[in-house]
Amino acid sequence: MRVSADRFSPDFCEWGIRHAQVYLDGREVEHCCLADEERGYVIVFPVDGAGCFLLEGDAIVTQLRFGEVKILLRERAA
């Protein structure tokens, strides 16, 4: 499975990205904007000690991390 927070991505699912729990090598990943179980990577927005996103100029920094990825989607309420 692959989920993306990018509205222009074919893997975008607003409900899914808001309710997905993403794990990389058994640890939950925060601030994840893309997760791919098959290819084994996530893209995250890293934060500083105060919890603010890191910037490079005017752009938010992203990090590509590789490992065993697991995406869990919570059940939709009926």
N, C-alpha and C. Protein backbone atom coordinates (compact mmCIF):
# COMPACT_ATOMS: atom_id res chain seq x y z
N MET A 1 0.84 -1.17 0.00
CA MET A 1 0.00 0.00 0.00
C MET A 1 0.89 1.24 0.00
N ARG A 2 0.35 2.30 -0.59
CA ARG A 2 1.06 3.58 -0.64
C ARG A 2 0.04 4.67 -0.35
N VAL A 3 0.38 5.60 0.56
CA VAL A 3 -0.49 6.74 0.85
C VAL A 3 0.33 8.01 0.77
N SER A 4 -0.34 9.07 0.31
CA SER A 4 0.32 10.35 0.13
C SER A 4 -0.55 11.47 0.67
N ALA A 5 0.07 12.51 1.23
CA ALA A 5 -0.64 13.70 1.69
C ALA A 5 -0.70 14.75 0.59
N ASP A 6 -0.10 14.48 -0.56
CA ASP A 6 -0.08 15.42 -1.69
C ASP A 6 -1.39 15.30 -2.47
N ARG A 7 -2.18 16.36 -2.49
CA ARG A 7 -3.48 16.33 -3.16
C ARG A 7 -3.38 16.03 -4.65
N PHE A 8 -2.21 16.24 -5.26
CA PHE A 8 -2.04 16.00 -6.69
C PHE A 8 -1.50 14.61 -7.00
N SER A 9 -1.25 13.83 -5.97
CA SER A 9 -0.74 12.47 -6.15
C SER A 9 -1.89 11.49 -6.40
N PRO A 10 -1.69 10.50 -7.26
CA PRO A 10 -2.74 9.47 -7.45
C PRO A 10 -2.94 8.62 -6.19
N ASP A 11 -2.01 8.67 -5.24
CA ASP A 11 -2.10 7.89 -4.00
C ASP A 11 -2.72 8.70 -2.87
N PHE A 12 -3.21 9.91 -3.17
CA PHE A 12 -3.82 10.76 -2.15
C PHE A 12 -5.19 10.24 -1.75
N CYS A 13 -5.41 10.17 -0.47
CA CYS A 13 -6.71 9.82 0.08
C CYS A 13 -6.83 10.60 1.38
N GLU A 14 -7.65 11.66 1.35
CA GLU A 14 -7.72 12.55 2.51
C GLU A 14 -8.07 11.81 3.78
N TRP A 15 -9.09 10.95 3.73
CA TRP A 15 -9.45 10.20 4.92
C TRP A 15 -8.30 9.29 5.36
N GLY A 16 -7.69 8.63 4.38
CA GLY A 16 -6.63 7.68 4.69
C GLY A 16 -5.42 8.32 5.34
N ILE A 17 -4.97 9.45 4.80
CA ILE A 17 -3.75 10.06 5.36
C ILE A 17 -4.02 10.64 6.74
N ARG A 18 -5.23 11.08 6.98
CA ARG A 18 -5.56 11.63 8.31
C ARG A 18 -5.70 10.53 9.36
N HIS A 19 -6.04 9.33 8.94
CA HIS A 19 -6.30 8.25 9.88
C HIS A 19 -5.28 7.11 9.79
N ALA A 20 -4.25 7.29 9.02
CA ALA A 20 -3.23 6.25 8.89
C ALA A 20 -2.20 6.37 10.01
N GLN A 21 -1.76 5.24 10.47
CA GLN A 21 -0.62 5.18 11.37
C GLN A 21 0.49 4.54 10.56
N VAL A 22 1.61 5.24 10.44
CA VAL A 22 2.73 4.77 9.64
C VAL A 22 3.87 4.37 10.56
N TYR A 23 4.43 3.20 10.30
CA TYR A 23 5.55 2.70 11.10
C TYR A 23 6.73 2.43 10.19
N LEU A 24 7.90 2.80 10.64
CA LEU A 24 9.15 2.52 9.95
C LEU A 24 10.03 1.73 10.90
N ASP A 25 10.35 0.50 10.52
CA ASP A 25 11.13 -0.40 11.36
C ASP A 25 10.54 -0.53 12.77
N GLY A 26 9.20 -0.59 12.82
CA GLY A 26 8.51 -0.82 14.09
C GLY A 26 8.24 0.42 14.92
N ARG A 27 8.71 1.58 14.49
CA ARG A 27 8.49 2.82 15.25
C ARG A 27 7.52 3.71 14.48
N GLU A 28 6.56 4.30 15.20
CA GLU A 28 5.60 5.18 14.54
C GLU A 28 6.30 6.42 13.99
N VAL A 29 5.91 6.81 12.79
CA VAL A 29 6.50 7.97 12.11
C VAL A 29 5.52 9.13 12.21
N GLU A 30 6.01 10.28 12.64
CA GLU A 30 5.18 11.49 12.71
C GLU A 30 5.53 12.40 11.54
N HIS A 31 4.58 13.23 11.17
CA HIS A 31 4.76 14.23 10.11
C HIS A 31 5.14 13.57 8.78
N CYS A 32 4.49 12.45 8.50
CA CYS A 32 4.75 11.70 7.28
C CYS A 32 3.90 12.26 6.14
N CYS A 33 4.52 12.52 5.00
CA CYS A 33 3.75 13.02 3.86
C CYS A 33 3.61 11.96 2.77
N LEU A 34 4.39 10.89 2.84
CA LEU A 34 4.26 9.78 1.89
C LEU A 34 4.82 8.52 2.52
N ALA A 35 4.12 7.43 2.34
CA ALA A 35 4.59 6.14 2.85
C ALA A 35 4.32 5.08 1.79
N ASP A 36 5.32 4.23 1.54
CA ASP A 36 5.20 3.17 0.54
C ASP A 36 5.69 1.87 1.15
N GLU A 37 4.75 0.95 1.41
CA GLU A 37 5.11 -0.34 2.02
C GLU A 37 5.92 -1.21 1.07
N GLU A 38 5.55 -1.24 -0.20
CA GLU A 38 6.21 -2.13 -1.15
C GLU A 38 7.66 -1.74 -1.41
N ARG A 39 7.91 -0.45 -1.56
CA ARG A 39 9.27 0.02 -1.84
C ARG A 39 10.08 0.29 -0.58
N GLY A 40 9.42 0.32 0.57
CA GLY A 40 10.11 0.43 1.84
C GLY A 40 10.70 1.80 2.13
N TYR A 41 9.87 2.85 1.96
CA TYR A 41 10.37 4.17 2.32
C TYR A 41 9.22 5.09 2.75
N VAL A 42 9.61 6.12 3.51
CA VAL A 42 8.69 7.18 3.90
C VAL A 42 9.37 8.51 3.62
N ILE A 43 8.56 9.54 3.41
CA ILE A 43 9.05 10.90 3.32
C ILE A 43 8.40 11.66 4.46
N VAL A 44 9.22 12.32 5.27
CA VAL A 44 8.71 13.03 6.44
C VAL A 44 9.17 14.48 6.42
N PHE A 45 8.41 15.29 7.18
CA PHE A 45 8.80 16.67 7.44
C PHE A 45 9.46 16.68 8.83
N PRO A 46 10.80 16.81 8.91
CA PRO A 46 11.44 16.81 10.22
C PRO A 46 11.13 18.11 10.97
N VAL A 47 11.20 18.04 12.30
CA VAL A 47 10.94 19.20 13.15
C VAL A 47 12.14 19.47 14.04
N ASP A 48 12.22 20.72 14.51
CA ASP A 48 13.29 21.08 15.43
C ASP A 48 12.87 20.76 16.87
N GLY A 49 13.67 21.14 17.84
CA GLY A 49 13.39 20.85 19.24
C GLY A 49 12.11 21.47 19.75
N ALA A 50 11.65 22.56 19.11
CA ALA A 50 10.41 23.23 19.51
C ALA A 50 9.20 22.67 18.79
N GLY A 51 9.41 21.69 17.92
CA GLY A 51 8.31 21.09 17.18
C GLY A 51 7.92 21.83 15.91
N CYS A 52 8.77 22.76 15.46
CA CYS A 52 8.50 23.52 14.23
C CYS A 52 9.18 22.84 13.05
N PHE A 53 8.51 22.87 11.90
CA PHE A 53 9.10 22.28 10.70
C PHE A 53 10.39 23.01 10.34
N LEU A 54 11.37 22.25 9.85
CA LEU A 54 12.63 22.84 9.41
C LEU A 54 12.46 23.46 8.04
N LEU A 55 13.07 24.60 7.84
CA LEU A 55 12.98 25.31 6.57
C LEU A 55 14.34 25.42 5.93
N GLU A 56 14.34 25.41 4.60
CA GLU A 56 15.52 25.68 3.81
C GLU A 56 15.09 26.78 2.85
N GLY A 57 15.43 28.02 3.18
CA GLY A 57 14.88 29.15 2.44
C GLY A 57 13.41 29.25 2.77
N ASP A 58 12.56 29.24 1.77
CA ASP A 58 11.11 29.30 1.97
C ASP A 58 10.45 27.92 1.93
N ALA A 59 11.23 26.88 1.69
CA ALA A 59 10.67 25.53 1.53
C ALA A 59 10.82 24.71 2.81
N ILE A 60 9.82 23.87 3.06
CA ILE A 60 9.90 22.94 4.19
C ILE A 60 10.82 21.79 3.79
N VAL A 61 11.73 21.44 4.68
CA VAL A 61 12.68 20.36 4.45
C VAL A 61 11.95 19.02 4.51
N THR A 62 12.33 18.09 3.64
CA THR A 62 11.81 16.72 3.70
C THR A 62 12.98 15.76 3.87
N GLN A 63 12.70 14.62 4.48
CA GLN A 63 13.69 13.56 4.64
C GLN A 63 13.14 12.27 4.07
N LEU A 64 13.97 11.57 3.33
CA LEU A 64 13.63 10.26 2.79
C LEU A 64 14.26 9.22 3.71
N ARG A 65 13.44 8.32 4.23
CA ARG A 65 13.93 7.29 5.15
C ARG A 65 13.52 5.92 4.61
N PHE A 66 14.46 4.98 4.65
CA PHE A 66 14.23 3.63 4.14
C PHE A 66 14.16 2.63 5.29
N GLY A 67 13.38 1.58 5.09
CA GLY A 67 13.27 0.51 6.07
C GLY A 67 11.99 -0.27 5.82
N GLU A 68 11.58 -1.04 6.82
CA GLU A 68 10.34 -1.80 6.72
C GLU A 68 9.18 -0.88 7.09
N VAL A 69 8.29 -0.65 6.13
CA VAL A 69 7.17 0.28 6.32
C VAL A 69 5.88 -0.50 6.50
N LYS A 70 5.11 -0.08 7.49
CA LYS A 70 3.80 -0.67 7.76
C LYS A 70 2.80 0.48 7.88
N ILE A 71 1.70 0.40 7.12
CA ILE A 71 0.65 1.40 7.15
C ILE A 71 -0.60 0.76 7.72
N LEU A 72 -1.11 1.30 8.81
CA LEU A 72 -2.34 0.82 9.41
C LEU A 72 -3.41 1.88 9.26
N LEU A 73 -4.54 1.52 8.68
CA LEU A 73 -5.66 2.43 8.53
C LEU A 73 -6.72 2.08 9.58
N ARG A 74 -7.13 3.09 10.32
CA ARG A 74 -8.20 2.86 11.30
C ARG A 74 -9.51 2.62 10.57
N GLU A 75 -10.36 1.86 11.17
CA GLU A 75 -11.67 1.56 10.59
C GLU A 75 -12.52 2.81 10.54
N ARG A 76 -13.27 2.96 9.46
CA ARG A 76 -14.24 4.06 9.37
C ARG A 76 -15.44 3.73 10.24
N ALA A 77 -15.92 4.75 10.93
CA ALA A 77 -17.15 4.56 11.72
C ALA A 77 -18.33 4.45 10.77
N ALA A 78 -19.23 3.55 11.07
CA ALA A 78 -20.39 3.33 10.19
C ALA A 78 -21.41 4.43 10.29
